[in-house]
Amino acid sequence: MVLVLNFFLDDVFAATFDRVICNQLEETGEPVHFLRVRGEKEVTELLEDLSPFSRLILSGSEASPMEDYGWETPMAAVLAHCQENRKPVLGICYGHQLLVRLLAGKEYLRVAPKPEFGWANIQLPANPLFEGLENPVFVLSHYDEAFALPEKFQLLAVSERCPVHAFQYDEQPIWGVQFHPEYDLASSQEIFDVLKTKDPHFEAHFIDQLEDEQRFRQNRRLFVNFINQ
């Protein structure tokens, strides 16, 4: 069973994330358990018994990885459990940044000098997580980023604006991706429409490299690969 921890603060964003993850994992046949994380309590209760879960996915969020929300200490214990038992972990956007915080420290995180929003080409190397993906286009939506990671992190992807778009940690089945492989076109457009109303600089940050929707639709392959680890 896949454990999906949803860190979104906004109820609408949280519901959208759960829906798109369900859609992406549907063809794998793997059962999924969702948990909305609001603070320390939900994660601490998880620690009573993590045995039903074989894999862990950490969501994005409007939360900042540099700030404390109460869930960081119990999340360190959840991650340690996954490492000890070789359970695959995938962090997406905020989840990617949270993994960096837990595995290396807050000093490897910062507010992005150039935020990224939109649809962008991300070049990926040969890696079990990316098998079968050809010239993918991913959704980007972030104000924070990881940078200058220590040597235990294998850097897998960058962009012109972001120095760490994907990593694998210490040859373990632990991956972080700054981009969003889960969102479809409709859901990503909904998010961008909301952000346009909140950020007067949104258009300056926007990237549109979506030339072939088929390259976008193949992204669910990343989740199939993750489940197969």
Protein backbone atom coordinates (compact mmCIF):
# COMPACT_ATOMS: atom_id res chain seq x y z
CA MET A 1 0.00 0.00 0.00
CA VAL A 2 1.24 3.48 -0.90
CA LEU A 3 1.08 6.09 1.86
CA VAL A 4 0.48 9.57 0.46
CA LEU A 5 1.07 12.44 2.87
CA ASN A 6 -0.74 15.58 1.76
CA PHE A 7 0.89 18.77 3.12
CA PHE A 8 -1.22 21.32 1.23
CA LEU A 9 -2.57 24.11 3.43
CA ASP A 10 -5.42 25.10 1.11
CA ASP A 11 -8.37 22.68 1.05
CA VAL A 12 -8.95 23.06 -2.69
CA PHE A 13 -5.29 22.44 -3.57
CA ALA A 14 -5.26 19.44 -1.20
CA ALA A 15 -8.34 17.88 -2.82
CA THR A 16 -6.92 18.42 -6.31
CA PHE A 17 -3.67 16.72 -5.36
CA ASP A 18 -5.43 13.65 -3.96
CA ARG A 19 -7.51 13.38 -7.12
CA VAL A 20 -4.64 13.61 -9.57
CA ILE A 21 -2.48 11.16 -7.60
CA CYS A 22 -5.37 8.67 -7.65
CA ASN A 23 -5.59 9.09 -11.41
CA GLN A 24 -1.86 8.56 -11.88
CA LEU A 25 -1.69 5.46 -9.68
CA GLU A 26 -4.92 3.89 -10.94
CA GLU A 27 -3.34 1.73 -13.63
CA THR A 28 -0.76 0.32 -11.21
CA GLY A 29 -3.47 -1.42 -9.16
CA GLU A 30 -1.61 -0.47 -5.99
CA PRO A 31 -3.87 0.49 -3.06
CA VAL A 32 -3.38 4.03 -1.75
CA HIS A 33 -3.90 5.54 1.70
CA PHE A 34 -4.13 9.34 1.96
CA LEU A 35 -3.38 11.35 5.06
CA ARG A 36 -3.83 15.13 5.27
CA VAL A 37 -1.04 16.49 7.45
CA ARG A 38 -1.90 19.59 9.46
CA GLY A 39 0.73 19.37 12.18
CA GLU A 40 2.67 17.03 14.44
CA LYS A 41 -0.31 14.92 15.58
CA GLU A 42 -1.13 13.17 12.31
CA VAL A 43 2.45 12.08 11.64
CA THR A 44 3.14 11.06 15.24
CA GLU A 45 0.11 8.76 15.17
CA LEU A 46 1.46 7.15 12.00
CA LEU A 47 4.57 6.07 13.87
CA GLU A 48 2.49 3.65 15.93
CA ASP A 49 2.41 1.27 12.95
CA LEU A 50 3.95 1.91 9.54
CA SER A 51 4.00 -1.76 8.59
CA PRO A 52 0.98 -1.64 6.21
CA PHE A 53 2.77 0.79 3.91
CA SER A 54 5.31 -0.28 1.32
CA ARG A 55 5.99 3.14 -0.28
CA LEU A 56 5.72 6.80 0.62
CA ILE A 57 4.80 9.86 -1.48
CA LEU A 58 5.15 13.39 -0.08
CA SER A 59 3.04 16.10 -1.70
CA GLY A 60 3.71 19.68 -2.62
CA SER A 61 2.47 22.53 -0.44
CA GLU A 62 2.28 26.28 -0.06
CA ALA A 63 4.32 25.71 3.13
CA SER A 64 7.93 26.85 3.19
CA PRO A 65 10.57 24.16 3.82
CA MET A 66 12.56 26.69 5.85
CA GLU A 67 9.76 27.19 8.39
CA ASP A 68 8.65 24.86 11.20
CA TYR A 69 5.13 23.41 11.14
CA GLY A 70 5.45 20.73 13.83
CA TRP A 71 5.58 17.74 11.51
CA GLU A 72 9.33 17.86 10.83
CA THR A 73 10.50 15.77 13.82
CA PRO A 74 8.02 12.89 13.39
CA MET A 75 8.64 13.04 9.62
CA ALA A 76 12.32 12.39 10.30
CA ALA A 77 11.28 9.20 12.12
CA VAL A 78 8.99 8.17 9.23
CA LEU A 79 11.83 8.68 6.78
CA ALA A 80 14.24 6.72 8.98
CA HIS A 81 11.75 3.83 9.00
CA CYS A 82 11.61 3.89 5.20
CA GLN A 83 15.40 3.92 4.95
CA GLU A 84 15.82 1.05 7.40
CA ASN A 85 13.26 -1.06 5.54
CA ARG A 86 14.22 -0.02 1.98
CA LYS A 87 10.77 1.41 1.32
CA PRO A 88 10.79 3.71 -1.73
CA VAL A 89 10.12 7.40 -1.10
CA LEU A 90 9.12 10.09 -3.60
CA GLY A 91 8.98 13.76 -2.63
CA ILE A 92 7.23 16.19 -5.00
CA CYS A 93 7.94 19.96 -4.89
CA TYR A 94 7.55 20.79 -1.16
CA GLY A 95 7.99 17.06 -0.47
CA HIS A 96 11.27 17.17 -2.43
CA GLN A 97 12.41 20.15 -0.35
CA LEU A 98 11.30 18.48 2.89
CA LEU A 99 13.47 15.46 2.07
CA VAL A 100 16.45 17.77 1.59
CA ARG A 101 15.75 19.37 4.97
CA LEU A 102 15.49 16.02 6.73
CA LEU A 103 18.48 14.41 5.01
CA ALA A 104 20.86 17.38 4.82
CA GLY A 105 19.50 20.46 6.61
CA LYS A 106 17.79 23.78 6.05
CA GLU A 107 21.05 25.35 4.88
CA TYR A 108 20.53 23.63 1.51
CA LEU A 109 17.18 25.37 0.95
CA ARG A 110 16.37 28.93 -0.07
CA VAL A 111 13.79 31.21 -1.62
CA ALA A 112 14.28 30.79 -5.36
CA PRO A 113 15.95 33.80 -7.00
CA LYS A 114 13.79 33.06 -10.04
CA PRO A 115 10.50 31.25 -9.27
CA GLU A 116 9.14 28.89 -11.91
CA PHE A 117 5.56 28.42 -13.07
CA GLY A 118 4.22 26.80 -16.22
CA TRP A 119 5.09 23.84 -18.42
CA ALA A 120 8.76 23.18 -19.13
CA ASN A 121 11.10 20.71 -20.79
CA ILE A 122 13.22 18.94 -18.17
CA GLN A 123 16.07 16.77 -19.41
CA LEU A 124 16.37 13.54 -17.42
CA PRO A 125 19.28 11.06 -17.22
CA ALA A 126 19.02 7.28 -17.18
CA ASN A 127 17.50 6.36 -13.83
CA PRO A 128 14.96 3.72 -12.73
CA LEU A 129 12.46 6.47 -11.83
CA PHE A 130 12.54 7.95 -15.33
CA GLU A 131 12.58 4.80 -17.47
CA GLY A 132 10.43 5.17 -20.59
CA LEU A 133 10.07 8.95 -20.37
CA GLU A 134 11.11 10.67 -23.60
CA ASN A 135 11.68 14.44 -23.70
CA PRO A 136 9.11 15.04 -20.94
CA VAL A 137 7.32 18.28 -20.17
CA PHE A 138 6.42 18.84 -16.52
CA VAL A 139 4.37 21.33 -14.54
CA LEU A 140 6.48 23.81 -12.54
CA SER A 141 5.11 25.73 -9.57
CA HIS A 142 7.50 26.82 -6.82
CA TYR A 143 8.89 29.81 -4.93
CA ASP A 144 11.49 27.83 -2.92
CA GLU A 145 14.25 25.48 -4.02
CA ALA A 146 17.13 23.24 -2.97
CA PHE A 147 20.68 24.12 -4.00
CA ALA A 148 24.31 22.98 -3.67
CA LEU A 149 23.38 19.57 -2.26
CA PRO A 150 26.07 17.49 -0.49
CA GLU A 151 27.71 14.56 -2.22
CA LYS A 152 25.31 11.86 -1.02
CA PHE A 153 22.67 13.42 -3.29
CA GLN A 154 22.90 12.35 -6.92
CA LEU A 155 21.79 15.34 -8.98
CA LEU A 156 19.44 14.11 -11.73
CA ALA A 157 17.93 17.23 -13.29
CA VAL A 158 18.29 21.01 -13.43
CA SER A 159 16.67 23.86 -15.36
CA GLU A 160 17.91 27.27 -16.45
CA ARG A 161 16.43 28.80 -13.29
CA CYS A 162 16.57 25.95 -10.76
CA PRO A 163 19.81 24.16 -9.75
CA VAL A 164 18.09 21.04 -8.34
CA HIS A 165 15.05 19.67 -10.15
CA ALA A 166 15.53 16.03 -9.20
CA PHE A 167 17.82 13.90 -7.05
CA GLN A 168 18.31 10.39 -5.76
CA TYR A 169 19.74 10.02 -2.29
CA ASP A 170 22.77 7.84 -1.61
CA GLU A 171 21.77 5.12 -4.11
CA GLN A 172 18.72 4.42 -1.93
CA PRO A 173 15.17 4.30 -3.36
CA ILE A 174 14.63 7.91 -2.25
CA TRP A 175 13.87 10.51 -4.91
CA GLY A 176 12.91 14.15 -4.89
CA VAL A 177 11.48 16.04 -7.87
CA GLN A 178 10.95 19.80 -7.83
CA PHE A 179 8.65 19.55 -10.85
CA HIS A 180 5.11 18.14 -10.69
CA PRO A 181 4.63 14.86 -12.60
CA GLU A 182 1.15 14.35 -11.12
CA TYR A 183 -0.86 17.23 -12.59
CA ASP A 184 -2.78 17.04 -15.86
CA LEU A 185 -3.38 20.05 -18.07
CA ALA A 186 -6.74 20.99 -16.56
CA SER A 187 -5.60 20.81 -12.93
CA SER A 188 -2.38 22.70 -13.58
CA GLN A 189 -4.28 25.45 -15.38
CA GLU A 190 -6.61 25.74 -12.37
CA ILE A 191 -3.61 26.26 -10.10
CA PHE A 192 -2.08 28.85 -12.41
CA ASP A 193 -5.40 30.74 -12.58
CA VAL A 194 -5.39 31.01 -8.78
CA LEU A 195 -1.76 32.10 -8.61
CA LYS A 196 -2.33 34.79 -11.23
CA THR A 197 -4.72 36.51 -8.84
CA LYS A 198 -2.27 36.38 -5.93
CA ASP A 199 1.10 37.15 -7.53
CA PRO A 200 1.45 40.36 -9.56
CA HIS A 201 4.72 38.99 -10.99
CA PHE A 202 3.24 35.67 -12.09
CA GLU A 203 3.45 36.36 -15.84
CA ALA A 204 7.14 37.25 -15.54
CA HIS A 205 7.82 33.87 -13.96
CA PHE A 206 5.69 31.86 -16.40
CA ILE A 207 7.21 29.32 -18.81
CA ASP A 208 5.27 27.75 -21.69
CA GLN A 209 7.13 24.96 -23.49
CA LEU A 210 4.08 22.76 -23.97
CA GLU A 211 4.29 22.00 -27.69
CA ASP A 212 3.18 18.35 -27.65
CA GLU A 213 0.53 17.20 -25.18
CA GLN A 214 1.53 13.57 -25.68
CA ARG A 215 4.86 14.33 -24.04
CA PHE A 216 2.86 15.64 -21.10
CA ARG A 217 0.51 12.67 -20.87
CA GLN A 218 3.39 10.17 -20.61
CA ASN A 219 4.30 11.52 -17.17
CA ARG A 220 2.29 8.87 -15.36
CA ARG A 221 5.09 6.51 -16.35
CA LEU A 222 7.12 8.04 -13.51
CA PHE A 223 4.58 6.75 -10.98
CA VAL A 224 4.49 3.31 -12.58
CA ASN A 225 8.29 3.20 -12.28
CA PHE A 226 8.10 4.29 -8.64
CA ILE A 227 5.60 1.55 -7.78
CA ASN A 228 7.82 -1.01 -9.50
CA GLN A 229 10.80 -0.22 -7.27
